[in-house]
Amino acid sequence: MSELYQGIKFDVQFVENQAFNDDRLTELKKWCNIFHQKNLAPSYPNGSFGNLSFRVKPLENQFLITGTQIGLKENLADDSFVLVHHVNFESKKVFVSGNRKPSSESMLHFALYNARKDVNAIFHGHSPDILENSEQLHLPQTKDEKPYGTIELVESALEIVENHKFFVLKNHGFFSLAENMENCGNETLRILELCREINF
């Protein structure tokens, strides 16, 4: 990741200040732990470079996502996650329910769910292996590098997401999209294994 993390770049509007209960959180926590163990979301002093989410209801844009500045480690509490209701891109406001602010890439997750109604899970990470081998694997990649957490980054991702479910944001990280969390995570692990075969 070429840019140091400096916090979220949007205003957060809390609809409710309470954690969102959902049985699917158990599976999301499992994949957070896998991303941590496999260095798909490398750690920094106050968290991890990565964020994972799932769509709450089919065809609706609400989603549950990891909060900002949390480590994707074992034993994450339910209040480590935030429900995103809506994003106003003009005012850069994100409307949420939870006990903390959502991931810095919440605007991007919202835009991707809106663009791909067939997608119900989105996992974002910054695996050095995937970034370093993306060209050899011919992974789709955005044209230009854009700052994290910005409208410009959202726009660059929307340029390629229509035809791809796994892609790389130039000099930033990767996105895996799927109809469920299991497929989303397994595709990421498949790409990671291909990277290791290249370097074996």
Protein backbone atom coordinates (compact mmCIF):
# COMPACT_ATOMS: atom_id res chain seq x y z
CA MET A 1 0.00 0.00 0.00
CA SER A 2 1.63 3.18 -1.20
CA GLU A 3 -0.30 5.61 1.02
CA LEU A 4 -0.13 5.58 4.81
CA TYR A 5 -3.46 5.17 6.58
CA GLN A 6 -4.76 8.51 7.89
CA GLY A 7 -8.33 7.62 8.86
CA ILE A 8 -11.63 7.77 7.02
CA LYS A 9 -12.29 10.50 4.46
CA PHE A 10 -16.06 10.89 4.83
CA ASP A 11 -18.56 12.05 7.45
CA VAL A 12 -20.31 9.36 9.48
CA GLN A 13 -23.97 9.78 10.41
CA PHE A 14 -25.12 7.32 13.10
CA VAL A 15 -28.69 6.10 12.64
CA GLU A 16 -28.39 3.86 15.71
CA ASN A 17 -25.56 3.44 18.22
CA GLN A 18 -25.78 -0.30 18.72
CA ALA A 19 -24.20 -3.40 17.29
CA PHE A 20 -26.08 -5.27 14.57
CA ASN A 21 -26.86 -8.90 15.35
CA ASP A 22 -26.70 -11.37 12.46
CA ASP A 23 -25.92 -15.09 12.46
CA ARG A 24 -23.74 -14.61 9.40
CA LEU A 25 -21.25 -12.67 11.51
CA THR A 26 -19.70 -15.99 12.55
CA GLU A 27 -18.71 -16.72 8.97
CA LEU A 28 -17.47 -13.18 8.39
CA LYS A 29 -15.29 -13.42 11.51
CA LYS A 30 -13.87 -16.70 10.19
CA TRP A 31 -12.79 -15.04 6.95
CA CYS A 32 -11.37 -12.04 8.83
CA ASN A 33 -9.17 -14.47 10.74
CA ILE A 34 -8.10 -16.24 7.53
CA PHE A 35 -7.21 -12.90 5.91
CA HIS A 36 -5.11 -12.12 8.98
CA GLN A 37 -3.36 -15.49 9.05
CA LYS A 38 -2.61 -15.50 5.30
CA ASN A 39 -1.36 -11.89 5.30
CA LEU A 40 -4.08 -10.98 2.84
CA ALA A 41 -4.77 -7.96 5.06
CA PRO A 42 -1.38 -7.01 6.55
CA SER A 43 -1.38 -5.57 10.06
CA TYR A 44 -0.43 -2.03 11.06
CA PRO A 45 -0.20 -0.70 14.66
CA ASN A 46 -3.93 -0.01 15.10
CA GLY A 47 -5.53 -2.38 12.63
CA SER A 48 -5.28 -4.25 9.33
CA PHE A 49 -5.07 -3.14 5.70
CA GLY A 50 -8.30 -4.72 4.50
CA ASN A 51 -12.05 -4.82 4.98
CA LEU A 52 -14.70 -7.49 4.52
CA SER A 53 -18.46 -7.17 4.10
CA PHE A 54 -21.66 -8.98 3.15
CA ARG A 55 -24.97 -7.71 1.80
CA VAL A 56 -27.69 -7.89 4.44
CA LYS A 57 -30.67 -8.48 2.11
CA PRO A 58 -30.72 -9.56 -1.55
CA LEU A 59 -30.84 -6.69 -4.05
CA GLU A 60 -30.61 -4.04 -1.29
CA ASN A 61 -27.45 -2.00 -0.76
CA GLN A 62 -27.23 -2.29 3.03
CA PHE A 63 -24.22 -4.28 4.16
CA LEU A 64 -22.31 -5.26 7.27
CA ILE A 65 -18.61 -4.32 7.17
CA THR A 66 -15.58 -4.37 9.42
CA GLY A 67 -15.10 -1.18 11.40
CA THR A 68 -12.25 1.20 10.79
CA GLN A 69 -8.94 0.55 12.52
CA ILE A 70 -9.60 -2.97 13.75
CA GLY A 71 -7.21 -5.88 13.39
CA LEU A 72 -8.67 -8.82 11.47
CA LYS A 73 -7.56 -11.20 14.18
CA GLU A 74 -9.20 -13.95 16.21
CA ASN A 75 -12.08 -13.33 18.63
CA LEU A 76 -13.52 -10.20 17.02
CA ALA A 77 -16.51 -8.92 18.98
CA ASP A 78 -19.84 -8.23 17.26
CA ASP A 79 -19.34 -4.51 17.73
CA SER A 80 -16.23 -4.68 15.53
CA PHE A 81 -18.67 -4.56 12.60
CA VAL A 82 -20.86 -1.74 11.31
CA LEU A 83 -24.11 -1.76 9.35
CA VAL A 84 -23.97 0.69 6.44
CA HIS A 85 -27.45 1.88 5.42
CA HIS A 86 -26.70 4.38 2.70
CA VAL A 87 -24.00 6.59 1.17
CA ASN A 88 -24.50 10.12 -0.14
CA PHE A 89 -21.61 10.61 -2.54
CA GLU A 90 -22.25 14.30 -3.12
CA SER A 91 -21.94 15.20 0.56
CA LYS A 92 -19.55 12.30 1.33
CA LYS A 93 -21.77 11.09 4.17
CA VAL A 94 -22.10 7.46 5.22
CA PHE A 95 -25.17 6.50 7.27
CA VAL A 96 -24.54 3.64 9.70
CA SER A 97 -25.65 1.71 12.76
CA GLY A 98 -23.06 0.50 15.23
CA ASN A 99 -20.66 1.42 17.99
CA ARG A 100 -17.78 2.58 15.80
CA LYS A 101 -17.06 4.16 12.45
CA PRO A 102 -17.07 1.89 9.38
CA SER A 103 -14.13 0.94 7.20
CA SER A 104 -12.48 3.69 5.16
CA GLU A 105 -13.57 1.88 1.97
CA SER A 106 -17.29 1.82 2.85
CA MET A 107 -18.16 4.15 -0.03
CA LEU A 108 -16.47 1.76 -2.43
CA HIS A 109 -18.26 -1.29 -1.04
CA PHE A 110 -21.60 0.55 -1.35
CA ALA A 111 -20.89 1.48 -4.98
CA LEU A 112 -19.87 -2.07 -5.87
CA TYR A 113 -22.99 -3.59 -4.31
CA ASN A 114 -25.07 -1.05 -6.20
CA ALA A 115 -23.35 -1.90 -9.48
CA ARG A 116 -23.44 -5.68 -9.04
CA LYS A 117 -26.78 -6.91 -7.70
CA ASP A 118 -25.55 -10.50 -8.14
CA VAL A 119 -22.82 -9.92 -5.54
CA ASN A 120 -23.54 -10.56 -1.85
CA ALA A 121 -20.02 -10.48 -0.39
CA ILE A 122 -17.00 -8.25 -0.96
CA PHE A 123 -13.53 -8.90 0.49
CA HIS A 124 -10.76 -6.32 0.12
CA GLY A 125 -7.14 -6.90 1.02
CA HIS A 126 -3.60 -5.72 0.38
CA SER A 127 -1.72 -8.97 -0.10
CA PRO A 128 1.86 -8.23 -1.24
CA ASP A 129 1.89 -11.58 -3.08
CA ILE A 130 -1.20 -10.75 -5.12
CA LEU A 131 -0.10 -7.19 -5.91
CA GLU A 132 3.41 -8.23 -6.93
CA ASN A 133 2.17 -11.04 -9.21
CA SER A 134 -0.98 -9.44 -10.61
CA GLU A 135 0.49 -8.77 -14.04
CA GLN A 136 1.88 -12.30 -14.42
CA LEU A 137 -1.54 -13.68 -13.51
CA HIS A 138 -3.22 -11.24 -15.92
CA LEU A 139 -5.55 -9.98 -13.21
CA PRO A 140 -7.78 -7.07 -14.24
CA GLN A 141 -6.38 -3.81 -12.91
CA THR A 142 -7.55 -0.20 -12.76
CA LYS A 143 -5.75 2.23 -15.04
CA ASP A 144 -4.37 4.71 -12.51
CA GLU A 145 -3.48 4.85 -8.83
CA LYS A 146 -6.02 6.76 -6.71
CA PRO A 147 -5.97 7.69 -3.00
CA TYR A 148 -7.75 5.27 -0.66
CA GLY A 149 -11.23 6.11 0.62
CA THR A 150 -11.97 8.65 -2.14
CA ILE A 151 -14.61 9.13 -4.83
CA GLU A 152 -11.81 8.89 -7.39
CA LEU A 153 -10.98 5.37 -6.21
CA VAL A 154 -14.66 4.43 -6.39
CA GLU A 155 -14.90 5.69 -9.95
CA SER A 156 -11.82 3.77 -11.06
CA ALA A 157 -13.22 0.51 -9.63
CA LEU A 158 -16.60 1.05 -11.30
CA GLU A 159 -14.84 1.24 -14.66
CA ILE A 160 -13.93 -2.46 -14.52
CA VAL A 161 -16.31 -4.13 -12.04
CA GLU A 162 -19.05 -4.80 -14.59
CA ASN A 163 -17.07 -7.61 -16.21
CA HIS A 164 -14.89 -8.83 -13.34
CA LYS A 165 -15.36 -10.26 -9.86
CA PHE A 166 -11.69 -10.24 -8.90
CA PHE A 167 -9.56 -7.23 -9.71
CA VAL A 168 -6.68 -5.10 -8.49
CA LEU A 169 -6.73 -1.41 -7.72
CA LYS A 170 -3.43 -0.11 -9.05
CA ASN A 171 -0.75 0.14 -6.33
CA HIS A 172 -3.45 -0.30 -3.69
CA GLY A 173 -5.05 -3.70 -3.14
CA PHE A 174 -7.40 -6.36 -4.50
CA PHE A 175 -11.15 -6.88 -4.43
CA SER A 176 -12.93 -10.22 -4.49
CA LEU A 177 -16.68 -10.25 -5.15
CA ALA A 178 -19.02 -13.24 -5.08
CA GLU A 179 -22.55 -14.43 -4.49
CA ASN A 180 -21.60 -15.52 -0.96
CA MET A 181 -18.76 -15.25 1.54
CA GLU A 182 -17.47 -18.79 0.98
CA ASN A 183 -16.96 -18.26 -2.75
CA CYS A 184 -15.53 -14.81 -2.16
CA GLY A 185 -12.92 -16.13 0.26
CA ASN A 186 -12.12 -19.29 -1.67
CA GLU A 187 -11.45 -17.37 -4.88
CA THR A 188 -9.03 -15.16 -2.96
CA LEU A 189 -7.22 -18.21 -1.61
CA ARG A 190 -7.06 -19.69 -5.13
CA ILE A 191 -5.42 -16.53 -6.48
CA LEU A 192 -3.01 -16.49 -3.53
CA GLU A 193 -2.01 -20.10 -4.24
CA LEU A 194 -1.35 -19.24 -7.90
CA CYS A 195 0.97 -16.47 -6.73
CA ARG A 196 2.93 -18.90 -4.59
CA GLU A 197 3.21 -21.39 -7.46
CA ILE A 198 4.76 -18.67 -9.59
CA ASN A 199 7.39 -17.99 -6.93
CA PHE A 200 8.06 -21.61 -5.94
